[in-house]
């Protein structure tokens, strides 16, 4: 089934995506690898919060309802570790499923990045 033929198409909007650099560029910040940034692009995406039903099909403990599922029309063009802002929060692309050959879309899971005041 093509993404353009289902209701998700109605939820597509323009988002600014900060692309993670390719290769080994980056550095550790407080013990967490932060990849280098290669630029910012505008992408047409449909973004949805993960619900309990979606979480049941995922590896246990890897994701929460704070994380999002992202759809992109066509082949996957966003590198993992890139970020997008959705509803005022920053999400990092963590998993990719390229469904271009069978559905003409790509799906990603993005984890909500912790903000400095989120940790005790």
PDB file of N, CA and C in Angstrom:
ATOM      1  N   UNK A   1       0.847  -1.176   0.000  1.00  0.00           N
ATOM      2  CA  UNK A   1       0.000   0.000   0.000  1.00  0.00           C
ATOM      3  C   UNK A   1       0.895   1.242   0.000  1.00  0.00           C
ATOM      4  N   UNK A   2       0.596   2.161  -0.810  1.00  0.00           N
ATOM      5  CA  UNK A   2       1.379   3.377  -0.939  1.00  0.00           C
ATOM      6  C   UNK A   2       0.980   4.393   0.131  1.00  0.00           C
ATOM      7  N   UNK A   3       1.963   5.111   0.650  1.00  0.00           N
ATOM      8  CA  UNK A   3       1.702   6.156   1.630  1.00  0.00           C
ATOM      9  C   UNK A   3       0.757   7.214   1.082  1.00  0.00           C
ATOM     10  N   UNK A   4       0.841   7.490  -0.203  1.00  0.00           N
ATOM     11  CA  UNK A   4       0.013   8.543  -0.776  1.00  0.00           C
ATOM     12  C   UNK A   4      -1.461   8.137  -0.853  1.00  0.00           C
ATOM     13  N   UNK A   5      -1.779   6.860  -0.652  1.00  0.00           N
ATOM     14  CA  UNK A   5      -3.158   6.391  -0.733  1.00  0.00           C
ATOM     15  C   UNK A   5      -3.807   6.197   0.627  1.00  0.00           C
ATOM     16  N   UNK A   6      -3.135   6.525   1.706  1.00  0.00           N
ATOM     17  CA  UNK A   6      -3.709   6.325   3.028  1.00  0.00           C
ATOM     18  C   UNK A   6      -3.788   7.646   3.784  1.00  0.00           C
ATOM     19  N   UNK A   7      -4.568   7.712   4.868  1.00  0.00           N
ATOM     20  CA  UNK A   7      -4.794   8.979   5.573  1.00  0.00           C
ATOM     21  C   UNK A   7      -3.543   9.668   6.094  1.00  0.00           C
ATOM     22  N   UNK A   8      -2.419   8.953   6.208  1.00  0.00           N
ATOM     23  CA  UNK A   8      -1.190   9.588   6.686  1.00  0.00           C
ATOM     24  C   UNK A   8      -0.818  10.761   5.796  1.00  0.00           C
ATOM     25  N   UNK A   9      -1.097  10.652   4.512  1.00  0.00           N
ATOM     26  CA  UNK A   9      -0.755  11.714   3.557  1.00  0.00           C
ATOM     27  C   UNK A   9      -1.346  13.047   3.992  1.00  0.00           C
ATOM     28  N   UNK A  10      -2.514  13.015   4.637  1.00  0.00           N
ATOM     29  CA  UNK A  10      -3.152  14.252   5.096  1.00  0.00           C
ATOM     30  C   UNK A  10      -2.400  14.892   6.253  1.00  0.00           C
ATOM     31  N   UNK A  11      -1.548  14.123   6.930  1.00  0.00           N
ATOM     32  CA  UNK A  11      -0.801  14.624   8.082  1.00  0.00           C
ATOM     33  C   UNK A  11       0.598  15.099   7.719  1.00  0.00           C
ATOM     34  N   UNK A  12       0.958  15.053   6.445  1.00  0.00           N
ATOM     35  CA  UNK A  12       2.296  15.461   6.022  1.00  0.00           C
ATOM     36  C   UNK A  12       2.424  16.974   6.156  1.00  0.00           C
ATOM     37  N   UNK A  13       3.547  17.405   6.756  1.00  0.00           N
ATOM     38  CA  UNK A  13       3.838  18.827   6.915  1.00  0.00           C
ATOM     39  C   UNK A  13       5.336  19.023   6.691  1.00  0.00           C
ATOM     40  N   UNK A  14       5.732  20.267   6.570  1.00  0.00           N
ATOM     41  CA  UNK A  14       7.147  20.601   6.368  1.00  0.00           C
ATOM     42  C   UNK A  14       7.834  20.740   7.729  1.00  0.00           C
ATOM     43  N   UNK A  15       8.972  20.073   7.884  1.00  0.00           N
ATOM     44  CA  UNK A  15       9.757  20.141   9.110  1.00  0.00           C
ATOM     45  C   UNK A  15      11.209  20.408   8.769  1.00  0.00           C
ATOM     46  N   UNK A  16      11.891  21.153   9.646  1.00  0.00           N
ATOM     47  CA  UNK A  16      13.327  21.375   9.512  1.00  0.00           C
ATOM     48  C   UNK A  16      14.040  20.205  10.170  1.00  0.00           C
ATOM     49  N   UNK A  17      14.884  19.512   9.405  1.00  0.00           N
ATOM     50  CA  UNK A  17      15.643  18.370   9.908  1.00  0.00           C
ATOM     51  C   UNK A  17      17.121  18.751   9.920  1.00  0.00           C
ATOM     52  N   UNK A  18      17.754  18.602  11.081  1.00  0.00           N
ATOM     53  CA  UNK A  18      19.187  18.823  11.196  1.00  0.00           C
ATOM     54  C   UNK A  18      19.865  17.491  10.937  1.00  0.00           C
ATOM     55  N   UNK A  19      20.589  17.419   9.825  1.00  0.00           N
ATOM     56  CA  UNK A  19      21.187  16.162   9.391  1.00  0.00           C
ATOM     57  C   UNK A  19      22.464  15.855  10.149  1.00  0.00           C
ATOM     58  N   UNK A  20      22.585  14.595  10.575  1.00  0.00           N
ATOM     59  CA  UNK A  20      23.824  14.145  11.213  1.00  0.00           C
ATOM     60  C   UNK A  20      24.865  13.953  10.129  1.00  0.00           C
ATOM     61  N   UNK A  21      26.092  14.307  10.430  1.00  0.00           N
ATOM     62  CA  UNK A  21      27.181  14.138   9.474  1.00  0.00           C
ATOM     63  C   UNK A  21      27.487  12.678   9.234  1.00  0.00           C
ATOM     64  N   UNK A  22      28.011  12.382   8.067  1.00  0.00           N
ATOM     65  CA  UNK A  22      28.385  11.006   7.762  1.00  0.00           C
ATOM     66  C   UNK A  22      29.799  10.755   8.251  1.00  0.00           C
ATOM     67  N   UNK A  23      30.134   9.504   8.401  1.00  0.00           N
ATOM     68  CA  UNK A  23      31.479   9.148   8.827  1.00  0.00           C
ATOM     69  C   UNK A  23      31.625   9.215  10.332  1.00  0.00           C
ATOM     70  N   UNK A  24      32.835   9.487  10.779  1.00  0.00           N
ATOM     71  CA  UNK A  24      33.138   9.412  12.206  1.00  0.00           C
ATOM     72  C   UNK A  24      33.169  10.771  12.885  1.00  0.00           C
ATOM     73  N   UNK A  25      32.772  11.827  12.210  1.00  0.00           N
ATOM     74  CA  UNK A  25      32.833  13.151  12.806  1.00  0.00           C
ATOM     75  C   UNK A  25      31.872  13.307  13.970  1.00  0.00           C
ATOM     76  N   UNK A  26      32.338  13.898  15.051  1.00  0.00           N
ATOM     77  CA  UNK A  26      31.525  14.126  16.224  1.00  0.00           C
ATOM     78  C   UNK A  26      32.377  14.100  17.464  1.00  0.00           C
ATOM     79  N   UNK A  27      31.714  14.138  18.630  1.00  0.00           N
ATOM     80  CA  UNK A  27      32.460  14.099  19.886  1.00  0.00           C
ATOM     81  C   UNK A  27      31.552  13.590  20.998  1.00  0.00           C
ATOM     82  N   UNK A  28      32.169  13.209  22.120  1.00  0.00           N
ATOM     83  CA  UNK A  28      31.410  12.778  23.287  1.00  0.00           C
ATOM     84  C   UNK A  28      31.088  13.992  24.149  1.00  0.00           C
ATOM     85  N   UNK A  29      29.841  14.095  24.575  1.00  0.00           N
ATOM     86  CA  UNK A  29      29.411  15.143  25.485  1.00  0.00           C
ATOM     87  C   UNK A  29      28.744  14.449  26.665  1.00  0.00           C
ATOM     88  N   UNK A  30      29.353  14.564  27.842  1.00  0.00           N
ATOM     89  CA  UNK A  30      28.847  13.892  29.054  1.00  0.00           C
ATOM     90  C   UNK A  30      28.626  12.405  28.811  1.00  0.00           C
ATOM     91  N   UNK A  31      29.553  11.770  28.088  1.00  0.00           N
ATOM     92  CA  UNK A  31      29.493  10.335  27.848  1.00  0.00           C
ATOM     93  C   UNK A  31      28.566   9.899  26.735  1.00  0.00           C
ATOM     94  N   UNK A  32      27.960  10.839  26.017  1.00  0.00           N
ATOM     95  CA  UNK A  32      27.035  10.513  24.926  1.00  0.00           C
ATOM     96  C   UNK A  32      27.642  11.002  23.618  1.00  0.00           C
ATOM     97  N   UNK A  33      27.674  10.113  22.590  1.00  0.00           N
ATOM     98  CA  UNK A  33      28.224  10.474  21.288  1.00  0.00           C
ATOM     99  C   UNK A  33      27.288  11.459  20.591  1.00  0.00           C
ATOM    100  N   UNK A  34      27.828  12.591  20.192  1.00  0.00           N
ATOM    101  CA  UNK A  34      27.080  13.610  19.465  1.00  0.00           C
ATOM    102  C   UNK A  34      27.712  13.728  18.083  1.00  0.00           C
ATOM    103  N   UNK A  35      27.009  13.252  17.028  1.00  0.00           N
ATOM    104  CA  UNK A  35      27.599  13.304  15.681  1.00  0.00           C
ATOM    105  C   UNK A  35      27.709  14.741  15.181  1.00  0.00           C
ATOM    106  N   UNK A  36      28.633  14.948  14.250  1.00  0.00           N
ATOM    107  CA  UNK A  36      28.761  16.268  13.651  1.00  0.00           C
ATOM    108  C   UNK A  36      27.511  16.569  12.824  1.00  0.00           C
ATOM    109  N   UNK A  37      27.263  17.836  12.598  1.00  0.00           N
ATOM    110  CA  UNK A  37      26.082  18.262  11.839  1.00  0.00           C
ATOM    111  C   UNK A  37      26.522  18.620  10.433  1.00  0.00           C
ATOM    112  N   UNK A  38      25.773  18.125   9.439  1.00  0.00           N
ATOM    113  CA  UNK A  38      26.153  18.441   8.063  1.00  0.00           C
ATOM    114  C   UNK A  38      25.218  19.460   7.417  1.00  0.00           C
ATOM    115  N   UNK A  39      24.220  19.929   8.142  1.00  0.00           N
ATOM    116  CA  UNK A  39      23.332  20.950   7.595  1.00  0.00           C
ATOM    117  C   UNK A  39      21.894  20.740   8.014  1.00  0.00           C
ATOM    118  N   UNK A  40      21.042  21.681   7.613  1.00  0.00           N
ATOM    119  CA  UNK A  40      19.614  21.615   7.910  1.00  0.00           C
ATOM    120  C   UNK A  40      18.852  21.659   6.597  1.00  0.00           C
ATOM    121  N   UNK A  41      17.850  20.782   6.471  1.00  0.00           N
ATOM    122  CA  UNK A  41      17.025  20.718   5.269  1.00  0.00           C
ATOM    123  C   UNK A  41      15.551  20.706   5.667  1.00  0.00           C
ATOM    124  N   UNK A  42      14.699  21.088   4.737  1.00  0.00           N
ATOM    125  CA  UNK A  42      13.255  21.001   4.945  1.00  0.00           C
ATOM    126  C   UNK A  42      12.773  19.702   4.319  1.00  0.00           C
ATOM    127  N   UNK A  43      12.033  18.918   5.097  1.00  0.00           N
ATOM    128  CA  UNK A  43      11.512  17.632   4.632  1.00  0.00           C
ATOM    129  C   UNK A  43      10.002  17.589   4.838  1.00  0.00           C
ATOM    130  N   UNK A  44       9.314  16.914   3.922  1.00  0.00           N
ATOM    131  CA  UNK A  44       7.882  16.668   4.073  1.00  0.00           C
ATOM    132  C   UNK A  44       7.727  15.355   4.839  1.00  0.00           C
ATOM    133  N   UNK A  45       7.220  15.445   6.069  1.00  0.00           N
ATOM    134  CA  UNK A  45       7.124  14.284   6.946  1.00  0.00           C
ATOM    135  C   UNK A  45       5.756  14.219   7.604  1.00  0.00           C
ATOM    136  N   UNK A  46       5.351  13.027   7.987  1.00  0.00           N
ATOM    137  CA  UNK A  46       4.188  12.828   8.848  1.00  0.00           C
ATOM    138  C   UNK A  46       4.727  12.259  10.149  1.00  0.00           C
ATOM    139  N   UNK A  47       4.418  12.921  11.275  1.00  0.00           N
ATOM    140  CA  UNK A  47       4.970  12.517  12.569  1.00  0.00           C
ATOM    141  C   UNK A  47       3.829  12.180  13.523  1.00  0.00           C
ATOM    142  N   UNK A  48       3.964  11.036  14.193  1.00  0.00           N
ATOM    143  CA  UNK A  48       2.950  10.559  15.135  1.00  0.00           C
ATOM    144  C   UNK A  48       3.619  10.105  16.421  1.00  0.00           C
ATOM    145  N   UNK A  49       3.021  10.414  17.562  1.00  0.00           N
ATOM    146  CA  UNK A  49       3.487   9.874  18.839  1.00  0.00           C
ATOM    147  C   UNK A  49       3.276   8.364  18.831  1.00  0.00           C
ATOM    148  N   UNK A  50       4.181   7.623  19.447  1.00  0.00           N
ATOM    149  CA  UNK A  50       3.999   6.182  19.580  1.00  0.00           C
ATOM    150  C   UNK A  50       2.896   5.917  20.605  1.00  0.00           C
ATOM    151  N   UNK A  51       1.986   5.034  20.263  1.00  0.00           N
ATOM    152  CA  UNK A  51       0.940   4.646  21.205  1.00  0.00           C
ATOM    153  C   UNK A  51       1.264   3.252  21.752  1.00  0.00           C
ATOM    154  N   UNK A  52       0.461   2.787  22.699  1.00  0.00           N
ATOM    155  CA  UNK A  52       0.734   1.493  23.326  1.00  0.00           C
ATOM    156  C   UNK A  52       0.688   0.347  22.324  1.00  0.00           C
ATOM    157  N   UNK A  53      -0.193   0.436  21.342  1.00  0.00           N
ATOM    158  CA  UNK A  53      -0.294  -0.621  20.330  1.00  0.00           C
ATOM    159  C   UNK A  53       1.014  -0.721  19.528  1.00  0.00           C
ATOM    160  N   UNK A  54       1.561   0.414  19.125  1.00  0.00           N
ATOM    161  CA  UNK A  54       2.820   0.422  18.377  1.00  0.00           C
ATOM    162  C   UNK A  54       3.974  -0.095  19.235  1.00  0.00           C
ATOM    163  N   UNK A  55       3.961   0.254  20.513  1.00  0.00           N
ATOM    164  CA  UNK A  55       5.037  -0.176  21.409  1.00  0.00           C
ATOM    165  C   UNK A  55       5.073  -1.690  21.582  1.00  0.00           C
ATOM    166  N   UNK A  56       3.924  -2.350  21.497  1.00  0.00           N
ATOM    167  CA  UNK A  56       3.870  -3.801  21.661  1.00  0.00           C
ATOM    168  C   UNK A  56       4.655  -4.530  20.570  1.00  0.00           C
ATOM    169  N   UNK A  57       4.782  -3.922  19.396  1.00  0.00           N
ATOM    170  CA  UNK A  57       5.477  -4.561  18.280  1.00  0.00           C
ATOM    171  C   UNK A  57       6.971  -4.237  18.260  1.00  0.00           C
ATOM    172  N   UNK A  58       7.453  -3.490  19.256  1.00  0.00           N
ATOM    173  CA  UNK A  58       8.849  -3.055  19.275  1.00  0.00           C
ATOM    174  C   UNK A  58       9.619  -3.759  20.382  1.00  0.00           C
ATOM    175  N   UNK A  59      10.953  -3.738  20.282  1.00  0.00           N
ATOM    176  CA  UNK A  59      11.757  -4.357  21.339  1.00  0.00           C
ATOM    177  C   UNK A  59      11.409  -3.762  22.708  1.00  0.00           C
ATOM    178  N   UNK A  60      11.204  -4.630  23.676  1.00  0.00           N
ATOM    179  CA  UNK A  60      10.787  -4.199  25.002  1.00  0.00           C
ATOM    180  C   UNK A  60      11.811  -3.264  25.643  1.00  0.00           C
ATOM    181  N   UNK A  61      11.317  -2.150  26.149  1.00  0.00           N
ATOM    182  CA  UNK A  61      12.159  -1.204  26.862  1.00  0.00           C
ATOM    183  C   UNK A  61      12.946  -0.242  26.002  1.00  0.00           C
ATOM    184  N   UNK A  62      12.896  -0.389  24.680  1.00  0.00           N
ATOM    185  CA  UNK A  62      13.684   0.489  23.800  1.00  0.00           C
ATOM    186  C   UNK A  62      13.016   1.846  23.575  1.00  0.00           C
ATOM    187  N   UNK A  63      11.672   1.855  23.519  1.00  0.00           N
ATOM    188  CA  UNK A  63      10.951   3.074  23.185  1.00  0.00           C
ATOM    189  C   UNK A  63       9.820   3.298  24.178  1.00  0.00           C
ATOM    190  N   UNK A  64       9.345   4.556  24.243  1.00  0.00           N
ATOM    191  CA  UNK A  64       8.245   4.915  25.136  1.00  0.00           C
ATOM    192  C   UNK A  64       7.221   5.737  24.362  1.00  0.00           C
ATOM    193  N   UNK A  65       6.147   6.098  25.026  1.00  0.00           N
ATOM    194  CA  UNK A  65       5.129   6.943  24.391  1.00  0.00           C
ATOM    195  C   UNK A  65       5.630   8.372  24.200  1.00  0.00           C
ATOM    196  N   UNK A  66       6.816   8.685  24.696  1.00  0.00           N
ATOM    197  CA  UNK A  66       7.440   9.989  24.453  1.00  0.00           C
ATOM    198  C   UNK A  66       8.110  10.039  23.077  1.00  0.00           C
ATOM    199  N   UNK A  67       8.314   8.881  22.456  1.00  0.00           N
ATOM    200  CA  UNK A  67       9.001   8.800  21.174  1.00  0.00           C
ATOM    201  C   UNK A  67       7.991   8.884  20.024  1.00  0.00           C
ATOM    202  N   UNK A  68       8.495   9.043  18.790  1.00  0.00           N
ATOM    203  CA  UNK A  68       7.598   9.247  17.643  1.00  0.00           C
ATOM    204  C   UNK A  68       7.941   8.316  16.479  1.00  0.00           C
ATOM    205  N   UNK A  69       6.925   8.092  15.647  1.00  0.00           N
ATOM    206  CA  UNK A  69       7.083   7.374  14.385  1.00  0.00           C
ATOM    207  C   UNK A  69       6.989   8.432  13.294  1.00  0.00           C
ATOM    208  N   UNK A  70       7.915   8.389  12.337  1.00  0.00           N
ATOM    209  CA  UNK A  70       7.987   9.403  11.291  1.00  0.00           C
ATOM    210  C   UNK A  70       7.915   8.719   9.929  1.00  0.00           C
ATOM    211  N   UNK A  71       7.096   9.261   9.039  1.00  0.00           N
ATOM    212  CA  UNK A  71       6.987   8.746   7.674  1.00  0.00           C
ATOM    213  C   UNK A  71       7.509   9.791   6.698  1.00  0.00           C
ATOM    214  N   UNK A  72       8.261   9.321   5.699  1.00  0.00           N
ATOM    215  CA  UNK A  72       8.782  10.170   4.627  1.00  0.00           C
ATOM    216  C   UNK A  72       8.378   9.524   3.299  1.00  0.00           C
ATOM    217  N   UNK A  73       7.839  10.308   2.392  1.00  0.00           N
ATOM    218  CA  UNK A  73       7.471   9.774   1.077  1.00  0.00           C
ATOM    219  C   UNK A  73       8.748   9.454   0.309  1.00  0.00           C
ATOM    220  N   UNK A  74       8.792   8.258  -0.282  1.00  0.00           N
ATOM    221  CA  UNK A  74       9.945   7.849  -1.082  1.00  0.00           C
ATOM    222  C   UNK A  74      11.005   7.129  -0.267  1.00  0.00           C
ATOM    223  N   UNK A  75      12.162   6.984  -0.851  1.00  0.00           N
ATOM    224  CA  UNK A  75      13.272   6.272  -0.234  1.00  0.00           C
ATOM    225  C   UNK A  75      13.839   7.070   0.939  1.00  0.00           C
ATOM    226  N   UNK A  76      14.411   6.361   1.890  1.00  0.00           N
ATOM    227  CA  UNK A  76      14.982   6.995   3.084  1.00  0.00           C
ATOM    228  C   UNK A  76      16.120   7.935   2.709  1.00  0.00           C
ATOM    229  N   UNK A  77      16.026   9.196   3.157  1.00  0.00           N
ATOM    230  CA  UNK A  77      17.061  10.186   2.850  1.00  0.00           C
ATOM    231  C   UNK A  77      17.612  10.857   4.100  1.00  0.00           C
ATOM    232  N   UNK A  78      17.126  10.453   5.268  1.00  0.00           N
ATOM    233  CA  UNK A  78      17.549  11.099   6.510  1.00  0.00           C
ATOM    234  C   UNK A  78      18.480  10.155   7.280  1.00  0.00           C
ATOM    235  N   UNK A  79      19.732  10.563   7.520  1.00  0.00           N
ATOM    236  CA  UNK A  79      20.656   9.696   8.248  1.00  0.00           C
ATOM    237  C   UNK A  79      20.232   9.517   9.711  1.00  0.00           C
ATOM    238  N   UNK A  80      20.532   8.346  10.257  1.00  0.00           N
ATOM    239  CA  UNK A  80      20.282   8.138  11.676  1.00  0.00           C
ATOM    240  C   UNK A  80      21.070   9.162  12.487  1.00  0.00           C
ATOM    241  N   UNK A  81      20.570   9.521  13.654  1.00  0.00           N
ATOM    242  CA  UNK A  81      21.125  10.521  14.575  1.00  0.00           C
ATOM    243  C   UNK A  81      20.830  11.950  14.141  1.00  0.00           C
ATOM    244  N   UNK A  82      20.123  12.123  13.012  1.00  0.00           N
ATOM    245  CA  UNK A  82      19.646  13.452  12.651  1.00  0.00           C
ATOM    246  C   UNK A  82      18.540  13.821  13.637  1.00  0.00           C
ATOM    247  N   UNK A  83      18.183  15.098  13.702  1.00  0.00           N
ATOM    248  CA  UNK A  83      17.158  15.525  14.655  1.00  0.00           C
ATOM    249  C   UNK A  83      16.072  16.346  13.960  1.00  0.00           C
ATOM    250  N   UNK A  84      14.884  16.339  14.584  1.00  0.00           N
ATOM    251  CA  UNK A  84      13.758  17.123  14.119  1.00  0.00           C
ATOM    252  C   UNK A  84      13.026  17.655  15.346  1.00  0.00           C
ATOM    253  N   UNK A  85      12.447  18.856  15.235  1.00  0.00           N
ATOM    254  CA  UNK A  85      11.650  19.416  16.320  1.00  0.00           C
ATOM    255  C   UNK A  85      10.177  19.177  15.999  1.00  0.00           C
ATOM    256  N   UNK A  86       9.469  18.581  16.950  1.00  0.00           N
ATOM    257  CA  UNK A  86       8.038  18.287  16.809  1.00  0.00           C
ATOM    258  C   UNK A  86       7.363  18.647  18.126  1.00  0.00           C
ATOM    259  N   UNK A  87       6.359  19.489  18.051  1.00  0.00           N
ATOM    260  CA  UNK A  87       5.612  19.958  19.226  1.00  0.00           C
ATOM    261  C   UNK A  87       6.554  20.515  20.299  1.00  0.00           C
ATOM    262  N   UNK A  88       7.578  21.254  19.858  1.00  0.00           N
ATOM    263  CA  UNK A  88       8.481  21.920  20.776  1.00  0.00           C
ATOM    264  C   UNK A  88       9.548  21.039  21.402  1.00  0.00           C
ATOM    265  N   UNK A  89       9.616  19.759  21.031  1.00  0.00           N
ATOM    266  CA  UNK A  89      10.609  18.849  21.580  1.00  0.00           C
ATOM    267  C   UNK A  89      11.526  18.357  20.463  1.00  0.00           C
ATOM    268  N   UNK A  90      12.772  18.042  20.821  1.00  0.00           N
ATOM    269  CA  UNK A  90      13.751  17.559  19.853  1.00  0.00           C
ATOM    270  C   UNK A  90      13.759  16.033  19.872  1.00  0.00           C
ATOM    271  N   UNK A  91      13.686  15.437  18.671  1.00  0.00           N
ATOM    272  CA  UNK A  91      13.711  13.984  18.521  1.00  0.00           C
ATOM    273  C   UNK A  91      14.890  13.591  17.645  1.00  0.00           C
ATOM    274  N   UNK A  92      15.556  12.490  18.016  1.00  0.00           N
ATOM    275  CA  UNK A  92      16.700  11.984  17.263  1.00  0.00           C
ATOM    276  C   UNK A  92      16.302  10.705  16.530  1.00  0.00           C
ATOM    277  N   UNK A  93      16.564  10.674  15.221  1.00  0.00           N
ATOM    278  CA  UNK A  93      16.250   9.506  14.390  1.00  0.00           C
ATOM    279  C   UNK A  93      17.083   8.318  14.876  1.00  0.00           C
ATOM    280  N   UNK A  94      16.405   7.235  15.269  1.00  0.00           N
ATOM    281  CA  UNK A  94      17.071   6.113  15.912  1.00  0.00           C
ATOM    282  C   UNK A  94      16.963   4.816  15.114  1.00  0.00           C
ATOM    283  N   UNK A  95      15.908   4.652  14.328  1.00  0.00           N
ATOM    284  CA  UNK A  95      15.692   3.427  13.563  1.00  0.00           C
ATOM    285  C   UNK A  95      15.067   3.793  12.215  1.00  0.00           C
ATOM    286  N   UNK A  96      15.423   3.045  11.175  1.00  0.00           N
ATOM    287  CA  UNK A  96      14.929   3.326   9.820  1.00  0.00           C
ATOM    288  C   UNK A  96      14.411   2.047   9.181  1.00  0.00           C
ATOM    289  N   UNK A  97      13.297   2.174   8.454  1.00  0.00           N
ATOM    290  CA  UNK A  97      12.777   1.068   7.651  1.00  0.00           C
ATOM    291  C   UNK A  97      12.414   1.644   6.286  1.00  0.00           C
ATOM    292  N   UNK A  98      13.219   1.336   5.270  1.00  0.00           N
ATOM    293  CA  UNK A  98      12.982   1.857   3.922  1.00  0.00           C
ATOM    294  C   UNK A  98      11.963   0.961   3.222  1.00  0.00           C
ATOM    295  N   UNK A  99      10.764   1.462   3.013  1.00  0.00           N
ATOM    296  CA  UNK A  99       9.683   0.708   2.375  1.00  0.00           C
ATOM    297  C   UNK A  99       9.393   1.242   0.968  1.00  0.00           C
ATOM    298  N   UNK A 100      10.386   1.887   0.367  1.00  0.00           N
ATOM    299  CA  UNK A 100      10.184   2.513  -0.936  1.00  0.00           C
ATOM    300  C   UNK A 100       9.778   1.501  -2.001  1.00  0.00           C
ATOM    301  N   UNK A 101      10.366   0.332  -2.004  1.00  0.00           N
ATOM    302  CA  UNK A 101      10.068  -0.653  -3.045  1.00  0.00           C
ATOM    303  C   UNK A 101       8.664  -1.236  -2.933  1.00  0.00           C
ATOM    304  N   UNK A 102       8.165  -1.424  -1.691  1.00  0.00           N
ATOM    305  CA  UNK A 102       6.851  -2.026  -1.552  1.00  0.00           C
ATOM    306  C   UNK A 102       5.749  -1.027  -1.184  1.00  0.00           C
ATOM    307  N   UNK A 103       6.093   0.166  -0.713  1.00  0.00           N
ATOM    308  CA  UNK A 103       5.045   1.102  -0.320  1.00  0.00           C
ATOM    309  C   UNK A 103       5.310   2.549  -0.658  1.00  0.00           C
ATOM    310  N   UNK A 104       6.433   2.836  -1.283  1.00  0.00           N
ATOM    311  CA  UNK A 104       6.796   4.190  -1.686  1.00  0.00           C
ATOM    312  C   UNK A 104       6.884   5.158  -0.512  1.00  0.00           C
ATOM    313  N   UNK A 105       7.366   4.655   0.633  1.00  0.00           N
ATOM    314  CA  UNK A 105       7.605   5.513   1.786  1.00  0.00           C
ATOM    315  C   UNK A 105       8.701   4.900   2.648  1.00  0.00           C
ATOM    316  N   UNK A 106       9.226   5.708   3.554  1.00  0.00           N
ATOM    317  CA  UNK A 106      10.195   5.243   4.542  1.00  0.00           C
ATOM    318  C   UNK A 106       9.648   5.568   5.917  1.00  0.00           C
ATOM    319  N   UNK A 107       9.941   4.701   6.884  1.00  0.00           N
ATOM    320  CA  UNK A 107       9.485   4.915   8.242  1.00  0.00           C
ATOM    321  C   UNK A 107      10.690   4.986   9.170  1.00  0.00           C
ATOM    322  N   UNK A 108      10.621   5.873  10.132  1.00  0.00           N
ATOM    323  CA  UNK A 108      11.673   6.020  11.129  1.00  0.00           C
ATOM    324  C   UNK A 108      11.038   6.001  12.517  1.00  0.00           C
ATOM    325  N   UNK A 109      11.822   5.627  13.502  1.00  0.00           N
ATOM    326  CA  UNK A 109      11.457   5.833  14.899  1.00  0.00           C
ATOM    327  C   UNK A 109      12.468   6.831  15.431  1.00  0.00           C
ATOM    328  N   UNK A 110      11.974   7.849  16.127  1.00  0.00           N
ATOM    329  CA  UNK A 110      12.861   8.865  16.691  1.00  0.00           C
ATOM    330  C   UNK A 110      12.601   8.964  18.191  1.00  0.00           C
ATOM    331  N   UNK A 111      13.686   9.003  18.945  1.00  0.00           N
ATOM    332  CA  UNK A 111      13.603   9.089  20.393  1.00  0.00           C
ATOM    333  C   UNK A 111      13.673  10.543  20.836  1.00  0.00           C
ATOM    334  N   UNK A 112      12.855  10.873  21.840  1.00  0.00           N
ATOM    335  CA  UNK A 112      12.896  12.216  22.409  1.00  0.00           C
ATOM    336  C   UNK A 112      14.239  12.395  23.096  1.00  0.00           C
ATOM    337  N   UNK A 113      14.912  13.479  22.749  1.00  0.00           N
ATOM    338  CA  UNK A 113      16.217  13.767  23.377  1.00  0.00           C
ATOM    339  C   UNK A 113      15.970  14.392  24.745  1.00  0.00           C
ATOM    340  N   UNK A 114      16.787  13.967  25.695  1.00  0.00           N
ATOM    341  CA  UNK A 114      16.676  14.548  27.028  1.00  0.00           C
ATOM    342  C   UNK A 114      17.172  15.979  26.993  1.00  0.00           C
ATOM    343  N   UNK A 115      16.440  16.821  27.691  1.00  0.00           N
ATOM    344  CA  UNK A 115      16.849  18.217  27.816  1.00  0.00           C
ATOM    345  C   UNK A 115      17.608  18.345  29.125  1.00  0.00           C
ATOM    346  N   UNK A 116      18.472  19.339  29.267  1.00  0.00           N
ATOM    347  CA  UNK A 116      19.290  19.464  30.475  1.00  0.00           C
ATOM    348  C   UNK A 116      18.489  19.427  31.780  1.00  0.00           C
ATOM    349  N   UNK A 117      17.280  19.991  31.774  1.00  0.00           N
ATOM    350  CA  UNK A 117      16.480  20.005  32.996  1.00  0.00           C
ATOM    351  C   UNK A 117      15.625  18.747  33.147  1.00  0.00           C
ATOM    352  N   UNK A 118      15.744  17.752  32.236  1.00  0.00           N
ATOM    353  CA  UNK A 118      15.025  16.486  32.343  1.00  0.00           C
ATOM    354  C   UNK A 118      15.719  15.521  33.289  1.00  0.00           C
ATOM    355  N   UNK A 119      17.009  15.725  33.538  1.00  0.00           N
ATOM    356  CA  UNK A 119      17.759  14.792  34.377  1.00  0.00           C
ATOM    357  C   UNK A 119      17.910  15.369  35.780  1.00  0.00           C
ATOM    358  N   UNK A 120      17.882  14.494  36.797  1.00  0.00           N
ATOM    359  CA  UNK A 120      17.995  14.996  38.185  1.00  0.00           C
ATOM    360  C   UNK A 120      19.375  15.507  38.506  1.00  0.00           C
TER     361      UNK A 120
END
